Amino acid sequence: MIEFKLNDVEEAEYKEFCERHKKCQFSSTIGGKITLEFIPTGLGDVKIVKCKVCKTEKDITDISNW
C-alpha cells in the first residue's frame, strides 16, 4: 500500500491555504474545490495544493526533512 502524508509544517501550510480560499465560489455539489497533488521523487514527495476556482497553487513541500 502506498500512503502519502503531510508533516506538521505542511499541514499548517495546507490549512492556511484552505482558509485563504474559503471565499472562492465553487458550483459543484460534491466539493473538490481544493486539491492536493503528491509527486514522488527520489528524495521525498513534493506536495502542491491548488484552488480550482482561482487557479492558484502553492508548493507546501517541507524539504527540511529530506
Protein backbone atom coordinates (compact mmCIF):
# COMPACT_ATOMS: atom_id res chain seq x y z
CA MET A 1 0.00 0.00 0.00
CA ILE A 2 1.24 3.49 -0.85
CA GLU A 3 0.49 6.14 1.74
CA PHE A 4 1.05 9.88 1.36
CA LYS A 5 1.15 12.12 4.42
CA LEU A 6 1.70 15.74 5.36
CA ASN A 7 4.02 16.55 8.22
CA ASP A 8 3.09 19.24 10.78
CA VAL A 9 4.68 22.09 8.79
CA GLU A 10 2.97 21.04 5.55
CA GLU A 11 -0.36 20.54 7.30
CA ALA A 12 -0.20 24.08 8.70
CA GLU A 13 0.55 25.45 5.21
CA TYR A 14 -2.34 23.42 3.78
CA LYS A 15 -4.80 24.70 6.38
CA GLU A 16 -3.66 28.29 5.82
CA PHE A 17 -4.15 27.90 2.05
CA CYS A 18 -7.65 26.48 2.56
CA GLU A 19 -8.56 29.30 4.92
CA ARG A 20 -7.45 31.94 2.38
CA HIS A 21 -9.57 30.29 -0.33
CA LYS A 22 -12.80 29.80 1.64
CA LYS A 23 -14.42 32.69 -0.22
CA CYS A 24 -13.72 31.24 -3.68
CA GLN A 25 -17.11 30.21 -5.06
CA PHE A 26 -17.33 26.70 -6.50
CA SER A 27 -20.51 25.46 -8.18
CA SER A 28 -20.06 21.71 -7.66
CA THR A 29 -22.46 19.95 -5.30
CA ILE A 30 -19.82 17.46 -4.20
CA GLY A 31 -16.98 19.86 -3.43
CA GLY A 32 -13.47 19.32 -4.65
CA LYS A 33 -12.50 22.98 -4.83
CA ILE A 34 -9.11 22.38 -3.18
CA THR A 35 -6.84 19.62 -4.46
CA LEU A 36 -3.60 18.25 -3.08
CA GLU A 37 -1.09 16.78 -5.52
CA PHE A 38 1.71 14.43 -4.40
CA ILE A 39 4.68 13.95 -6.71
CA PRO A 40 7.09 11.21 -5.62
CA THR A 41 10.79 11.93 -6.23
CA GLY A 42 13.98 10.15 -5.28
CA LEU A 43 14.44 12.41 -2.25
CA GLY A 44 10.88 12.77 -0.98
CA ASP A 45 7.38 13.73 -2.05
CA VAL A 46 6.58 17.15 -3.50
CA LYS A 47 3.22 18.43 -2.24
CA ILE A 48 1.26 21.05 -4.16
CA VAL A 49 -2.09 22.44 -3.03
CA LYS A 50 -4.38 24.01 -5.67
CA CYS A 51 -7.60 26.02 -5.76
CA LYS A 52 -9.66 25.03 -8.81
CA VAL A 53 -11.66 28.26 -8.67
CA CYS A 54 -8.98 30.96 -8.80
CA LYS A 55 -6.32 28.67 -10.30
CA THR A 56 -3.85 29.45 -7.50
CA GLU A 57 -1.37 26.81 -6.46
CA LYS A 58 1.29 26.63 -3.77
CA ASP A 59 4.15 24.21 -3.19
CA ILE A 60 3.87 23.31 0.51
CA THR A 61 6.73 20.77 0.48
CA ASP A 62 8.82 20.87 3.65
CA ILE A 63 12.26 19.87 2.36
CA SER A 64 13.89 20.23 5.77
CA ASN A 65 13.34 16.52 6.43
CA TRP A 66 14.66 15.24 3.08
